[in-house]
Amino acid sequence: MARSPARPGHFANYALAEPGDACLTAWMEAQLRLAIWVPDDPVDLGAVERELLRHWQPPLNLAGVSTPWTGRLQTARRVMAEEARRSAAMNPGVQVVHGSLP
């Protein structure tokens, strides 16, 4: 389904129907952490990001990391985007925005 009812034609941005959204939220709250790091000297943040992605292999990232589950995640995201497209097609007032998923 479209993430934003005000902009339902942006299919790269979609939400999960319940209970999927609540399940994903619960998983993220249990599994994901936020950390802040302030370096003493200027650093190349791109290099830091690449190293973090390589080391941690974040399960929901598609950009900058390749994991054994990347293909499954890409497929799942395409399926969800297509479901959002079909849902929006049932609403004749939706302006469709064409684009692609990573």
N, C-alpha and C. Protein backbone atom coordinates (compact mmCIF):
# COMPACT_ATOMS: atom_id res chain seq x y z
N MET A 1 0.84 -1.18 0.00
CA MET A 1 0.00 0.00 0.00
C MET A 1 0.88 1.24 0.00
N ALA A 2 0.35 2.35 -0.46
CA ALA A 2 1.12 3.58 -0.51
C ALA A 2 1.44 4.05 0.90
N ARG A 3 2.68 4.51 1.11
CA ARG A 3 3.07 4.99 2.44
C ARG A 3 2.34 6.29 2.78
N SER A 4 2.23 7.16 1.79
CA SER A 4 1.60 8.45 2.02
C SER A 4 0.33 8.55 1.19
N PRO A 5 -0.83 8.57 1.83
CA PRO A 5 -2.07 8.72 1.08
C PRO A 5 -2.09 9.98 0.23
N ALA A 6 -1.35 11.01 0.65
CA ALA A 6 -1.31 12.26 -0.12
C ALA A 6 -0.49 12.12 -1.39
N ARG A 7 0.43 11.15 -1.43
CA ARG A 7 1.28 10.93 -2.61
C ARG A 7 1.35 9.44 -2.93
N PRO A 8 0.22 8.82 -3.22
CA PRO A 8 0.19 7.36 -3.40
C PRO A 8 0.87 6.87 -4.68
N GLY A 9 1.20 7.75 -5.60
CA GLY A 9 1.80 7.33 -6.86
C GLY A 9 3.30 7.10 -6.79
N HIS A 10 3.92 7.31 -5.64
CA HIS A 10 5.36 7.10 -5.47
C HIS A 10 5.58 5.68 -4.95
N PHE A 11 5.72 4.73 -5.87
CA PHE A 11 5.70 3.33 -5.48
C PHE A 11 6.99 2.83 -4.85
N ALA A 12 8.06 3.60 -4.93
CA ALA A 12 9.27 3.21 -4.22
C ALA A 12 9.10 3.46 -2.73
N ASN A 13 8.07 4.25 -2.37
CA ASN A 13 7.76 4.55 -0.97
C ASN A 13 6.41 3.92 -0.66
N TYR A 14 6.43 2.82 0.02
CA TYR A 14 5.20 2.11 0.32
C TYR A 14 5.22 1.67 1.77
N ALA A 15 4.08 1.27 2.26
CA ALA A 15 3.96 0.78 3.63
C ALA A 15 3.45 -0.65 3.58
N LEU A 16 3.62 -1.36 4.65
CA LEU A 16 3.08 -2.70 4.76
C LEU A 16 1.70 -2.63 5.39
N ALA A 17 0.80 -3.46 4.93
CA ALA A 17 -0.52 -3.56 5.56
C ALA A 17 -0.34 -4.25 6.90
N GLU A 18 -1.25 -3.99 7.81
CA GLU A 18 -1.19 -4.67 9.11
C GLU A 18 -1.53 -6.14 8.92
N PRO A 19 -0.90 -7.05 9.64
CA PRO A 19 0.00 -6.80 10.76
C PRO A 19 1.46 -6.67 10.34
N GLY A 20 1.74 -6.67 9.03
CA GLY A 20 3.12 -6.63 8.57
C GLY A 20 3.89 -5.42 9.04
N ASP A 21 3.26 -4.24 9.02
CA ASP A 21 3.96 -3.04 9.44
C ASP A 21 4.33 -3.10 10.93
N ALA A 22 3.39 -3.58 11.75
CA ALA A 22 3.67 -3.71 13.19
C ALA A 22 4.77 -4.74 13.44
N CYS A 23 4.78 -5.82 12.66
CA CYS A 23 5.83 -6.84 12.82
C CYS A 23 7.20 -6.27 12.44
N LEU A 24 7.25 -5.53 11.34
CA LEU A 24 8.53 -4.93 10.93
C LEU A 24 8.99 -3.91 11.96
N THR A 25 8.08 -3.11 12.46
CA THR A 25 8.44 -2.12 13.49
C THR A 25 8.99 -2.80 14.74
N ALA A 26 8.33 -3.86 15.17
CA ALA A 26 8.80 -4.60 16.36
C ALA A 26 10.18 -5.19 16.11
N TRP A 27 10.40 -5.75 14.91
CA TRP A 27 11.70 -6.32 14.58
C TRP A 27 12.77 -5.24 14.60
N MET A 28 12.47 -4.07 13.99
CA MET A 28 13.46 -2.99 13.94
C MET A 28 13.77 -2.48 15.34
N GLU A 29 12.75 -2.34 16.19
CA GLU A 29 13.00 -1.87 17.55
C GLU A 29 13.87 -2.86 18.33
N ALA A 30 13.71 -4.14 18.07
CA ALA A 30 14.50 -5.16 18.79
C ALA A 30 15.90 -5.31 18.22
N GLN A 31 16.08 -5.10 16.92
CA GLN A 31 17.33 -5.43 16.26
C GLN A 31 18.24 -4.25 15.92
N LEU A 32 17.67 -3.08 15.67
CA LEU A 32 18.47 -1.97 15.17
C LEU A 32 18.90 -1.05 16.31
N ARG A 33 20.07 -0.47 16.16
CA ARG A 33 20.61 0.45 17.14
C ARG A 33 21.07 1.71 16.43
N LEU A 34 21.05 2.79 17.15
CA LEU A 34 21.54 4.06 16.65
C LEU A 34 22.75 4.44 17.49
N ALA A 35 23.80 4.83 16.81
CA ALA A 35 25.01 5.25 17.51
C ALA A 35 25.48 6.57 16.92
N ILE A 36 26.09 7.37 17.73
CA ILE A 36 26.63 8.65 17.29
C ILE A 36 28.13 8.63 17.57
N TRP A 37 28.89 9.09 16.59
CA TRP A 37 30.34 9.13 16.71
C TRP A 37 30.82 10.49 16.24
N VAL A 38 31.59 11.14 17.05
CA VAL A 38 32.17 12.43 16.69
C VAL A 38 33.68 12.23 16.61
N PRO A 39 34.24 12.24 15.39
CA PRO A 39 35.69 12.03 15.27
C PRO A 39 36.46 13.24 15.78
N ASP A 40 37.67 12.97 16.24
CA ASP A 40 38.54 14.05 16.71
C ASP A 40 39.04 14.91 15.56
N ASP A 41 39.25 14.27 14.40
CA ASP A 41 39.75 14.96 13.21
C ASP A 41 38.81 14.69 12.05
N PRO A 42 38.85 15.52 11.00
CA PRO A 42 38.02 15.27 9.82
C PRO A 42 38.33 13.89 9.22
N VAL A 43 37.28 13.22 8.78
CA VAL A 43 37.43 11.90 8.17
C VAL A 43 36.61 11.82 6.89
N ASP A 44 36.93 10.86 6.06
CA ASP A 44 36.16 10.58 4.85
C ASP A 44 34.95 9.73 5.27
N LEU A 45 33.78 10.36 5.40
CA LEU A 45 32.60 9.64 5.88
C LEU A 45 32.17 8.54 4.91
N GLY A 46 32.45 8.73 3.62
CA GLY A 46 32.14 7.68 2.64
C GLY A 46 32.92 6.41 2.95
N ALA A 47 34.19 6.56 3.29
CA ALA A 47 35.01 5.39 3.64
C ALA A 47 34.52 4.74 4.93
N VAL A 48 34.13 5.57 5.89
CA VAL A 48 33.60 5.04 7.15
C VAL A 48 32.32 4.25 6.88
N GLU A 49 31.43 4.83 6.07
CA GLU A 49 30.18 4.14 5.74
C GLU A 49 30.44 2.81 5.03
N ARG A 50 31.34 2.82 4.06
CA ARG A 50 31.66 1.57 3.34
C ARG A 50 32.16 0.50 4.29
N GLU A 51 33.02 0.88 5.22
CA GLU A 51 33.56 -0.09 6.18
C GLU A 51 32.46 -0.61 7.12
N LEU A 52 31.60 0.28 7.58
CA LEU A 52 30.49 -0.14 8.44
C LEU A 52 29.56 -1.11 7.69
N LEU A 53 29.23 -0.79 6.44
CA LEU A 53 28.38 -1.67 5.64
C LEU A 53 29.03 -3.03 5.44
N ARG A 54 30.33 -3.02 5.13
CA ARG A 54 31.04 -4.29 4.92
C ARG A 54 31.04 -5.12 6.20
N HIS A 55 31.31 -4.48 7.31
CA HIS A 55 31.42 -5.20 8.58
C HIS A 55 30.07 -5.70 9.09
N TRP A 56 29.06 -4.83 9.11
CA TRP A 56 27.79 -5.17 9.75
C TRP A 56 26.77 -5.80 8.81
N GLN A 57 26.93 -5.60 7.51
CA GLN A 57 25.98 -6.12 6.52
C GLN A 57 24.54 -5.90 6.96
N PRO A 58 24.11 -4.63 7.06
CA PRO A 58 22.76 -4.35 7.53
C PRO A 58 21.72 -5.06 6.67
N PRO A 59 20.80 -5.76 7.30
CA PRO A 59 19.89 -6.64 6.57
C PRO A 59 18.92 -5.94 5.64
N LEU A 60 18.62 -4.66 5.85
CA LEU A 60 17.64 -3.98 4.99
C LEU A 60 18.29 -3.05 3.97
N ASN A 61 19.62 -2.92 4.00
CA ASN A 61 20.31 -2.06 3.04
C ASN A 61 20.46 -2.77 1.70
N LEU A 62 20.23 -2.01 0.63
CA LEU A 62 20.52 -2.51 -0.71
C LEU A 62 21.66 -1.73 -1.34
N ALA A 63 21.85 -0.51 -0.93
CA ALA A 63 22.90 0.33 -1.52
C ALA A 63 24.19 0.16 -0.73
N GLY A 64 25.26 -0.12 -1.44
CA GLY A 64 26.57 -0.18 -0.82
C GLY A 64 26.91 -1.48 -0.12
N VAL A 65 26.04 -2.48 -0.21
CA VAL A 65 26.32 -3.75 0.46
C VAL A 65 25.69 -4.87 -0.35
N SER A 66 26.37 -5.99 -0.39
CA SER A 66 25.84 -7.18 -1.04
C SER A 66 25.89 -8.33 -0.04
N THR A 67 24.74 -8.89 0.22
CA THR A 67 24.64 -9.95 1.22
C THR A 67 24.01 -11.19 0.58
N PRO A 68 24.05 -12.31 1.26
CA PRO A 68 23.40 -13.51 0.72
C PRO A 68 21.89 -13.32 0.52
N TRP A 69 21.27 -12.36 1.21
CA TRP A 69 19.83 -12.15 1.11
C TRP A 69 19.46 -10.94 0.25
N THR A 70 20.43 -10.28 -0.38
CA THR A 70 20.15 -9.09 -1.19
C THR A 70 19.12 -9.38 -2.28
N GLY A 71 19.27 -10.48 -2.99
CA GLY A 71 18.33 -10.82 -4.06
C GLY A 71 16.91 -11.01 -3.55
N ARG A 72 16.78 -11.68 -2.42
CA ARG A 72 15.45 -11.90 -1.84
C ARG A 72 14.82 -10.57 -1.42
N LEU A 73 15.64 -9.68 -0.86
CA LEU A 73 15.14 -8.38 -0.43
C LEU A 73 14.71 -7.54 -1.64
N GLN A 74 15.51 -7.55 -2.70
CA GLN A 74 15.14 -6.81 -3.91
C GLN A 74 13.82 -7.33 -4.48
N THR A 75 13.68 -8.64 -4.52
CA THR A 75 12.44 -9.23 -5.03
C THR A 75 11.26 -8.84 -4.16
N ALA A 76 11.42 -8.93 -2.85
CA ALA A 76 10.33 -8.58 -1.94
C ALA A 76 9.93 -7.11 -2.10
N ARG A 77 10.91 -6.24 -2.25
CA ARG A 77 10.59 -4.81 -2.42
C ARG A 77 9.88 -4.56 -3.74
N ARG A 78 10.28 -5.26 -4.79
CA ARG A 78 9.58 -5.11 -6.08
C ARG A 78 8.13 -5.58 -5.97
N VAL A 79 7.92 -6.70 -5.28
CA VAL A 79 6.57 -7.22 -5.09
C VAL A 79 5.72 -6.20 -4.32
N MET A 80 6.27 -5.64 -3.25
CA MET A 80 5.52 -4.66 -2.46
C MET A 80 5.23 -3.40 -3.26
N ALA A 81 6.19 -2.95 -4.08
CA ALA A 81 5.96 -1.78 -4.92
C ALA A 81 4.86 -2.07 -5.94
N GLU A 82 4.85 -3.28 -6.49
CA GLU A 82 3.81 -3.65 -7.45
C GLU A 82 2.45 -3.70 -6.77
N GLU A 83 2.40 -4.20 -5.55
CA GLU A 83 1.14 -4.21 -4.79
C GLU A 83 0.65 -2.78 -4.56
N ALA A 84 1.57 -1.87 -4.24
CA ALA A 84 1.19 -0.46 -4.05
C ALA A 84 0.68 0.12 -5.36
N ARG A 85 1.30 -0.25 -6.48
CA ARG A 85 0.87 0.21 -7.80
C ARG A 85 -0.56 -0.25 -8.09
N ARG A 86 -0.82 -1.55 -7.82
CA ARG A 86 -2.16 -2.09 -8.06
C ARG A 86 -3.19 -1.42 -7.17
N SER A 87 -2.82 -1.20 -5.92
CA SER A 87 -3.72 -0.54 -4.98
C SER A 87 -4.04 0.87 -5.45
N ALA A 88 -3.04 1.59 -5.91
CA ALA A 88 -3.25 2.95 -6.39
C ALA A 88 -4.08 2.97 -7.66
N ALA A 89 -3.93 1.94 -8.50
CA ALA A 89 -4.69 1.87 -9.75
C ALA A 89 -6.19 1.77 -9.48
N MET A 90 -6.54 1.29 -8.31
CA MET A 90 -7.95 1.17 -7.95
C MET A 90 -8.53 2.53 -7.56
N ASN A 91 -7.66 3.53 -7.37
CA ASN A 91 -8.07 4.88 -7.02
C ASN A 91 -7.83 5.76 -8.24
N PRO A 92 -8.88 6.13 -8.98
CA PRO A 92 -8.69 6.85 -10.24
C PRO A 92 -8.05 8.23 -10.09
N GLY A 93 -8.02 8.80 -8.90
CA GLY A 93 -7.43 10.12 -8.71
C GLY A 93 -5.94 10.11 -8.45
N VAL A 94 -5.30 8.95 -8.47
CA VAL A 94 -3.87 8.84 -8.15
C VAL A 94 -3.03 9.23 -9.36
N GLN A 95 -2.07 10.12 -9.12
CA GLN A 95 -1.10 10.48 -10.15
C GLN A 95 0.08 9.53 -10.02
N VAL A 96 0.37 8.77 -11.06
CA VAL A 96 1.43 7.79 -11.03
C VAL A 96 2.77 8.44 -11.32
N VAL A 97 3.76 8.16 -10.50
CA VAL A 97 5.12 8.65 -10.68
C VAL A 97 5.97 7.46 -11.06
N HIS A 98 6.56 7.48 -12.24
CA HIS A 98 7.36 6.34 -12.70
C HIS A 98 8.78 6.46 -12.20
N GLY A 99 9.33 5.35 -11.81
CA GLY A 99 10.69 5.28 -11.32
C GLY A 99 11.03 3.83 -11.07
N SER A 100 12.20 3.59 -10.56
CA SER A 100 12.59 2.22 -10.31
C SER A 100 13.13 2.08 -8.90
N LEU A 101 13.09 0.87 -8.42
CA LEU A 101 13.66 0.55 -7.13
C LEU A 101 15.10 0.11 -7.32
N PRO A 102 15.91 0.27 -6.28
CA PRO A 102 17.31 -0.20 -6.39
C PRO A 102 17.37 -1.70 -6.55
